[in-house]
Amino acid sequence: MAQKKSKTGAKNTTRKQQAERIRAAEERERRAKEAAEARARTKKIFTIVVCVILVLALCIPTMALTVLSM
């Protein structure tokens, strides 16, 4: 007769499979951390660029008016 496969055997994982899952989880965490750091770096750069643009937008007309008024 045909052999029955035990359902409990299918649910249990080997040490190798557990190690693979742990390794995959660590890799996902590392990638997520790198992505978060990249987003934070991009946000800082964007903030600095906006501040520089605002400073130039305020300074250039002020300097022009100062020079023209002399």
PDB file of N, CA and C in Angstrom:
ATOM      1  N   MET A   1       0.824  -1.179   0.000  1.00  0.00           N
ATOM      2  CA  MET A   1       0.000   0.000   0.000  1.00  0.00           C
ATOM      3  C   MET A   1       0.873   1.250   0.000  1.00  0.00           C
ATOM      4  N   ALA A   2       0.227   2.343  -0.324  1.00  0.00           N
ATOM      5  CA  ALA A   2       0.950   3.609  -0.387  1.00  0.00           C
ATOM      6  C   ALA A   2       1.322   4.070   1.017  1.00  0.00           C
ATOM      7  N   GLN A   3       2.480   4.667   1.106  1.00  0.00           N
ATOM      8  CA  GLN A   3       2.928   5.152   2.409  1.00  0.00           C
ATOM      9  C   GLN A   3       2.308   6.509   2.689  1.00  0.00           C
ATOM     10  N   LYS A   4       1.943   6.698   3.933  1.00  0.00           N
ATOM     11  CA  LYS A   4       1.382   7.985   4.339  1.00  0.00           C
ATOM     12  C   LYS A   4       2.516   8.898   4.789  1.00  0.00           C
ATOM     13  N   LYS A   5       2.455  10.138   4.349  1.00  0.00           N
ATOM     14  CA  LYS A   5       3.435  11.125   4.807  1.00  0.00           C
ATOM     15  C   LYS A   5       2.876  11.783   6.053  1.00  0.00           C
ATOM     16  N   SER A   6       3.686  11.878   7.049  1.00  0.00           N
ATOM     17  CA  SER A   6       3.199  12.503   8.280  1.00  0.00           C
ATOM     18  C   SER A   6       3.164  14.016   8.100  1.00  0.00           C
ATOM     19  N   LYS A   7       2.101  14.602   8.561  1.00  0.00           N
ATOM     20  CA  LYS A   7       1.948  16.052   8.442  1.00  0.00           C
ATOM     21  C   LYS A   7       2.882  16.786   9.396  1.00  0.00           C
ATOM     22  N   THR A   8       3.202  16.140  10.492  1.00  0.00           N
ATOM     23  CA  THR A   8       4.098  16.808  11.446  1.00  0.00           C
ATOM     24  C   THR A   8       5.495  16.929  10.871  1.00  0.00           C
ATOM     25  N   GLY A   9       5.911  16.010  10.045  1.00  0.00           N
ATOM     26  CA  GLY A   9       7.228  16.065   9.427  1.00  0.00           C
ATOM     27  C   GLY A   9       7.348  17.237   8.474  1.00  0.00           C
ATOM     28  N   ALA A  10       6.260  17.597   7.820  1.00  0.00           N
ATOM     29  CA  ALA A  10       6.284  18.709   6.877  1.00  0.00           C
ATOM     30  C   ALA A  10       6.392  20.051   7.601  1.00  0.00           C
ATOM     31  N   LYS A  11       5.888  20.109   8.822  1.00  0.00           N
ATOM     32  CA  LYS A  11       5.905  21.369   9.563  1.00  0.00           C
ATOM     33  C   LYS A  11       7.260  21.636  10.209  1.00  0.00           C
ATOM     34  N   ASN A  12       7.955  20.591  10.594  1.00  0.00           N
ATOM     35  CA  ASN A  12       9.256  20.759  11.244  1.00  0.00           C
ATOM     36  C   ASN A  12      10.294  21.190  10.216  1.00  0.00           C
ATOM     37  N   THR A  13      11.150  22.085  10.649  1.00  0.00           N
ATOM     38  CA  THR A  13      12.200  22.559   9.747  1.00  0.00           C
ATOM     39  C   THR A  13      13.542  22.034  10.233  1.00  0.00           C
ATOM     40  N   THR A  14      14.421  21.838   9.328  1.00  0.00           N
ATOM     41  CA  THR A  14      15.753  21.372   9.691  1.00  0.00           C
ATOM     42  C   THR A  14      16.592  22.542  10.178  1.00  0.00           C
ATOM     43  N   ARG A  15      17.724  22.218  10.740  1.00  0.00           N
ATOM     44  CA  ARG A  15      18.626  23.279  11.217  1.00  0.00           C
ATOM     45  C   ARG A  15      19.098  24.150  10.062  1.00  0.00           C
ATOM     46  N   LYS A  16      19.307  23.523   8.927  1.00  0.00           N
ATOM     47  CA  LYS A  16      19.755  24.274   7.761  1.00  0.00           C
ATOM     48  C   LYS A  16      18.680  25.265   7.310  1.00  0.00           C
ATOM     49  N   GLN A  17      17.426  24.829   7.311  1.00  0.00           N
ATOM     50  CA  GLN A  17      16.334  25.718   6.914  1.00  0.00           C
ATOM     51  C   GLN A  17      16.184  26.853   7.921  1.00  0.00           C
ATOM     52  N   GLN A  18      16.315  26.540   9.199  1.00  0.00           N
ATOM     53  CA  GLN A  18      16.211  27.585  10.220  1.00  0.00           C
ATOM     54  C   GLN A  18      17.348  28.590  10.066  1.00  0.00           C
ATOM     55  N   ALA A  19      18.541  28.102   9.784  1.00  0.00           N
ATOM     56  CA  ALA A  19      19.678  28.998   9.596  1.00  0.00           C
ATOM     57  C   ALA A  19      19.448  29.889   8.376  1.00  0.00           C
ATOM     58  N   GLU A  20      18.898  29.327   7.313  1.00  0.00           N
ATOM     59  CA  GLU A  20      18.594  30.122   6.107  1.00  0.00           C
ATOM     60  C   GLU A  20      17.575  31.203   6.419  1.00  0.00           C
ATOM     61  N   ARG A  21      16.543  30.828   7.164  1.00  0.00           N
ATOM     62  CA  ARG A  21      15.518  31.822   7.514  1.00  0.00           C
ATOM     63  C   ARG A  21      16.097  32.941   8.368  1.00  0.00           C
ATOM     64  N   ILE A  22      16.939  32.577   9.318  1.00  0.00           N
ATOM     65  CA  ILE A  22      17.556  33.593  10.171  1.00  0.00           C
ATOM     66  C   ILE A  22      18.447  34.498   9.335  1.00  0.00           C
ATOM     67  N   ARG A  23      19.232  33.899   8.449  1.00  0.00           N
ATOM     68  CA  ARG A  23      20.114  34.685   7.586  1.00  0.00           C
ATOM     69  C   ARG A  23      19.301  35.626   6.698  1.00  0.00           C
ATOM     70  N   ALA A  24      18.191  35.130   6.159  1.00  0.00           N
ATOM     71  CA  ALA A  24      17.340  35.968   5.303  1.00  0.00           C
ATOM     72  C   ALA A  24      16.725  37.118   6.106  1.00  0.00           C
ATOM     73  N   ALA A  25      16.308  36.831   7.337  1.00  0.00           N
ATOM     74  CA  ALA A  25      15.728  37.879   8.182  1.00  0.00           C
ATOM     75  C   ALA A  25      16.765  38.949   8.511  1.00  0.00           C
ATOM     76  N   GLU A  26      17.979  38.535   8.810  1.00  0.00           N
ATOM     77  CA  GLU A  26      19.039  39.502   9.095  1.00  0.00           C
ATOM     78  C   GLU A  26      19.345  40.358   7.874  1.00  0.00           C
ATOM     79  N   GLU A  27      19.320  39.737   6.701  1.00  0.00           N
ATOM     80  CA  GLU A  27      19.560  40.478   5.458  1.00  0.00           C
ATOM     81  C   GLU A  27      18.453  41.516   5.227  1.00  0.00           C
ATOM     82  N   ARG A  28      17.208  41.129   5.477  1.00  0.00           N
ATOM     83  CA  ARG A  28      16.089  42.084   5.327  1.00  0.00           C
ATOM     84  C   ARG A  28      16.231  43.244   6.291  1.00  0.00           C
ATOM     85  N   GLU A  29      16.615  42.949   7.532  1.00  0.00           N
ATOM     86  CA  GLU A  29      16.804  44.012   8.522  1.00  0.00           C
ATOM     87  C   GLU A  29      17.930  44.951   8.104  1.00  0.00           C
ATOM     88  N   ARG A  30      19.011  44.392   7.589  1.00  0.00           N
ATOM     89  CA  ARG A  30      20.143  45.222   7.159  1.00  0.00           C
ATOM     90  C   ARG A  30      19.734  46.134   6.014  1.00  0.00           C
ATOM     91  N   ARG A  31      18.999  45.577   5.046  1.00  0.00           N
ATOM     92  CA  ARG A  31      18.539  46.392   3.916  1.00  0.00           C
ATOM     93  C   ARG A  31      17.590  47.492   4.366  1.00  0.00           C
ATOM     94  N   ALA A  32      16.691  47.170   5.296  1.00  0.00           N
ATOM     95  CA  ALA A  32      15.756  48.174   5.802  1.00  0.00           C
ATOM     96  C   ALA A  32      16.497  49.296   6.526  1.00  0.00           C
ATOM     97  N   LYS A  33      17.523  48.914   7.289  1.00  0.00           N
ATOM     98  CA  LYS A  33      18.313  49.919   8.012  1.00  0.00           C
ATOM     99  C   LYS A  33      19.053  50.823   7.035  1.00  0.00           C
ATOM    100  N   GLU A  34      19.638  50.235   6.004  1.00  0.00           N
ATOM    101  CA  GLU A  34      20.344  51.035   4.995  1.00  0.00           C
ATOM    102  C   GLU A  34      19.382  51.967   4.265  1.00  0.00           C
ATOM    103  N   ALA A  35      18.186  51.487   3.963  1.00  0.00           N
ATOM    104  CA  ALA A  35      17.199  52.324   3.278  1.00  0.00           C
ATOM    105  C   ALA A  35      16.785  53.493   4.171  1.00  0.00           C
ATOM    106  N   ALA A  36      16.599  53.237   5.458  1.00  0.00           N
ATOM    107  CA  ALA A  36      16.222  54.311   6.386  1.00  0.00           C
ATOM    108  C   ALA A  36      17.337  55.348   6.491  1.00  0.00           C
ATOM    109  N   GLU A  37      18.580  54.888   6.529  1.00  0.00           N
ATOM    110  CA  GLU A  37      19.704  55.824   6.589  1.00  0.00           C
ATOM    111  C   GLU A  37      19.792  56.653   5.318  1.00  0.00           C
ATOM    112  N   ALA A  38      19.529  56.039   4.178  1.00  0.00           N
ATOM    113  CA  ALA A  38      19.560  56.770   2.909  1.00  0.00           C
ATOM    114  C   ALA A  38      18.464  57.829   2.878  1.00  0.00           C
ATOM    115  N   ARG A  39      17.274  57.487   3.369  1.00  0.00           N
ATOM    116  CA  ARG A  39      16.175  58.472   3.407  1.00  0.00           C
ATOM    117  C   ARG A  39      16.534  59.637   4.325  1.00  0.00           C
ATOM    118  N   ALA A  40      17.136  59.339   5.468  1.00  0.00           N
ATOM    119  CA  ALA A  40      17.516  60.409   6.402  1.00  0.00           C
ATOM    120  C   ALA A  40      18.579  61.317   5.781  1.00  0.00           C
ATOM    121  N   ARG A  41      19.547  60.713   5.103  1.00  0.00           N
ATOM    122  CA  ARG A  41      20.604  61.501   4.450  1.00  0.00           C
ATOM    123  C   ARG A  41      20.012  62.393   3.365  1.00  0.00           C
ATOM    124  N   THR A  42      19.090  61.848   2.567  1.00  0.00           N
ATOM    125  CA  THR A  42      18.447  62.627   1.507  1.00  0.00           C
ATOM    126  C   THR A  42      17.655  63.792   2.094  1.00  0.00           C
ATOM    127  N   LYS A  43      16.976  63.540   3.191  1.00  0.00           N
ATOM    128  CA  LYS A  43      16.192  64.594   3.838  1.00  0.00           C
ATOM    129  C   LYS A  43      17.094  65.723   4.336  1.00  0.00           C
ATOM    130  N   LYS A  44      18.250  65.369   4.910  1.00  0.00           N
ATOM    131  CA  LYS A  44      19.188  66.388   5.386  1.00  0.00           C
ATOM    132  C   LYS A  44      19.725  67.216   4.230  1.00  0.00           C
ATOM    133  N   ILE A  45      20.088  66.560   3.149  1.00  0.00           N
ATOM    134  CA  ILE A  45      20.613  67.274   1.975  1.00  0.00           C
ATOM    135  C   ILE A  45      19.552  68.212   1.418  1.00  0.00           C
ATOM    136  N   PHE A  46      18.311  67.742   1.324  1.00  0.00           N
ATOM    137  CA  PHE A  46      17.219  68.568   0.820  1.00  0.00           C
ATOM    138  C   PHE A  46      17.031  69.798   1.703  1.00  0.00           C
ATOM    139  N   THR A  47      17.089  69.615   3.011  1.00  0.00           N
ATOM    140  CA  THR A  47      16.920  70.737   3.939  1.00  0.00           C
ATOM    141  C   THR A  47      18.030  71.767   3.749  1.00  0.00           C
ATOM    142  N   ILE A  48      19.256  71.308   3.604  1.00  0.00           N
ATOM    143  CA  ILE A  48      20.381  72.232   3.414  1.00  0.00           C
ATOM    144  C   ILE A  48      20.239  73.003   2.106  1.00  0.00           C
ATOM    145  N   VAL A  49      19.838  72.320   1.048  1.00  0.00           N
ATOM    146  CA  VAL A  49      19.663  72.980  -0.250  1.00  0.00           C
ATOM    147  C   VAL A  49      18.577  74.046  -0.167  1.00  0.00           C
ATOM    148  N   VAL A  50      17.477  73.735   0.477  1.00  0.00           N
ATOM    149  CA  VAL A  50      16.388  74.710   0.611  1.00  0.00           C
ATOM    150  C   VAL A  50      16.859  75.920   1.419  1.00  0.00           C
ATOM    151  N   CYS A  51      17.619  75.690   2.485  1.00  0.00           N
ATOM    152  CA  CYS A  51      18.127  76.802   3.294  1.00  0.00           C
ATOM    153  C   CYS A  51      19.070  77.696   2.488  1.00  0.00           C
ATOM    154  N   VAL A  52      19.931  77.091   1.703  1.00  0.00           N
ATOM    155  CA  VAL A  52      20.854  77.875   0.871  1.00  0.00           C
ATOM    156  C   VAL A  52      20.079  78.712  -0.135  1.00  0.00           C
ATOM    157  N   ILE A  53      19.071  78.118  -0.751  1.00  0.00           N
ATOM    158  CA  ILE A  53      18.256  78.861  -1.722  1.00  0.00           C
ATOM    159  C   ILE A  53      17.554  80.037  -1.048  1.00  0.00           C
ATOM    160  N   LEU A  54      17.022  79.827   0.140  1.00  0.00           N
ATOM    161  CA  LEU A  54      16.345  80.915   0.852  1.00  0.00           C
ATOM    162  C   LEU A  54      17.325  82.024   1.241  1.00  0.00           C
ATOM    163  N   VAL A  55      18.511  81.652   1.686  1.00  0.00           N
ATOM    164  CA  VAL A  55      19.512  82.661   2.051  1.00  0.00           C
ATOM    165  C   VAL A  55      19.894  83.475   0.823  1.00  0.00           C
ATOM    166  N   LEU A  56      20.117  82.808  -0.301  1.00  0.00           N
ATOM    167  CA  LEU A  56      20.458  83.539  -1.531  1.00  0.00           C
ATOM    168  C   LEU A  56      19.296  84.415  -1.986  1.00  0.00           C
ATOM    169  N   ALA A  57      18.073  83.928  -1.855  1.00  0.00           N
ATOM    170  CA  ALA A  57      16.914  84.706  -2.275  1.00  0.00           C
ATOM    171  C   ALA A  57      16.756  85.962  -1.422  1.00  0.00           C
ATOM    172  N   LEU A  58      17.210  85.918  -0.195  1.00  0.00           N
ATOM    173  CA  LEU A  58      17.113  87.104   0.659  1.00  0.00           C
ATOM    174  C   LEU A  58      18.327  88.015   0.508  1.00  0.00           C
ATOM    175  N   CYS A  59      19.486  87.457   0.316  1.00  0.00           N
ATOM    176  CA  CYS A  59      20.717  88.256   0.280  1.00  0.00           C
ATOM    177  C   CYS A  59      20.909  88.986  -1.046  1.00  0.00           C
ATOM    178  N   ILE A  60      20.651  88.340  -2.143  1.00  0.00           N
ATOM    179  CA  ILE A  60      20.922  88.950  -3.453  1.00  0.00           C
ATOM    180  C   ILE A  60      20.092  90.217  -3.667  1.00  0.00           C
ATOM    181  N   PRO A  61      18.784  90.223  -3.447  1.00  0.00           N
ATOM    182  CA  PRO A  61      18.031  91.478  -3.625  1.00  0.00           C
ATOM    183  C   PRO A  61      18.454  92.563  -2.626  1.00  0.00           C
ATOM    184  N   THR A  62      18.787  92.164  -1.411  1.00  0.00           N
ATOM    185  CA  THR A  62      19.224  93.138  -0.400  1.00  0.00           C
ATOM    186  C   THR A  62      20.532  93.801  -0.844  1.00  0.00           C
ATOM    187  N   MET A  63      21.457  92.984  -1.313  1.00  0.00           N
ATOM    188  CA  MET A  63      22.735  93.533  -1.792  1.00  0.00           C
ATOM    189  C   MET A  63      22.520  94.418  -3.036  1.00  0.00           C
ATOM    190  N   ALA A  64      21.619  94.002  -3.902  1.00  0.00           N
ATOM    191  CA  ALA A  64      21.347  94.795  -5.106  1.00  0.00           C
ATOM    192  C   ALA A  64      20.767  96.153  -4.721  1.00  0.00           C
ATOM    193  N   LEU A  65      19.837  96.179  -3.798  1.00  0.00           N
ATOM    194  CA  LEU A  65      19.266  97.452  -3.353  1.00  0.00           C
ATOM    195  C   LEU A  65      20.322  98.321  -2.661  1.00  0.00           C
ATOM    196  N   THR A  66      21.201  97.709  -1.920  1.00  0.00           N
ATOM    197  CA  THR A  66      22.257  98.461  -1.234  1.00  0.00           C
ATOM    198  C   THR A  66      23.198  99.096  -2.271  1.00  0.00           C
ATOM    199  N   VAL A  67      23.561  98.339  -3.277  1.00  0.00           N
ATOM    200  CA  VAL A  67      24.479  98.841  -4.286  1.00  0.00           C
ATOM    201  C   VAL A  67      23.812  99.919  -5.128  1.00  0.00           C
ATOM    202  N   LEU A  68      22.568  99.718  -5.492  1.00  0.00           N
ATOM    203  CA  LEU A  68      21.863 100.683  -6.333  1.00  0.00           C
ATOM    204  C   LEU A  68      21.531 101.993  -5.592  1.00  0.00           C
ATOM    205  N   SER A  69      21.389 101.934  -4.283  1.00  0.00           N
ATOM    206  CA  SER A  69      21.019 103.126  -3.533  1.00  0.00           C
ATOM    207  C   SER A  69      22.200 104.063  -3.313  1.00  0.00           C
ATOM    208  N   MET A  70      23.396 103.640  -3.578  1.00  0.00           N
ATOM    209  CA  MET A  70      24.580 104.484  -3.354  1.00  0.00           C
ATOM    210  C   MET A  70      24.743 105.484  -4.447  1.00  0.00           C
TER     211      MET A  70
END
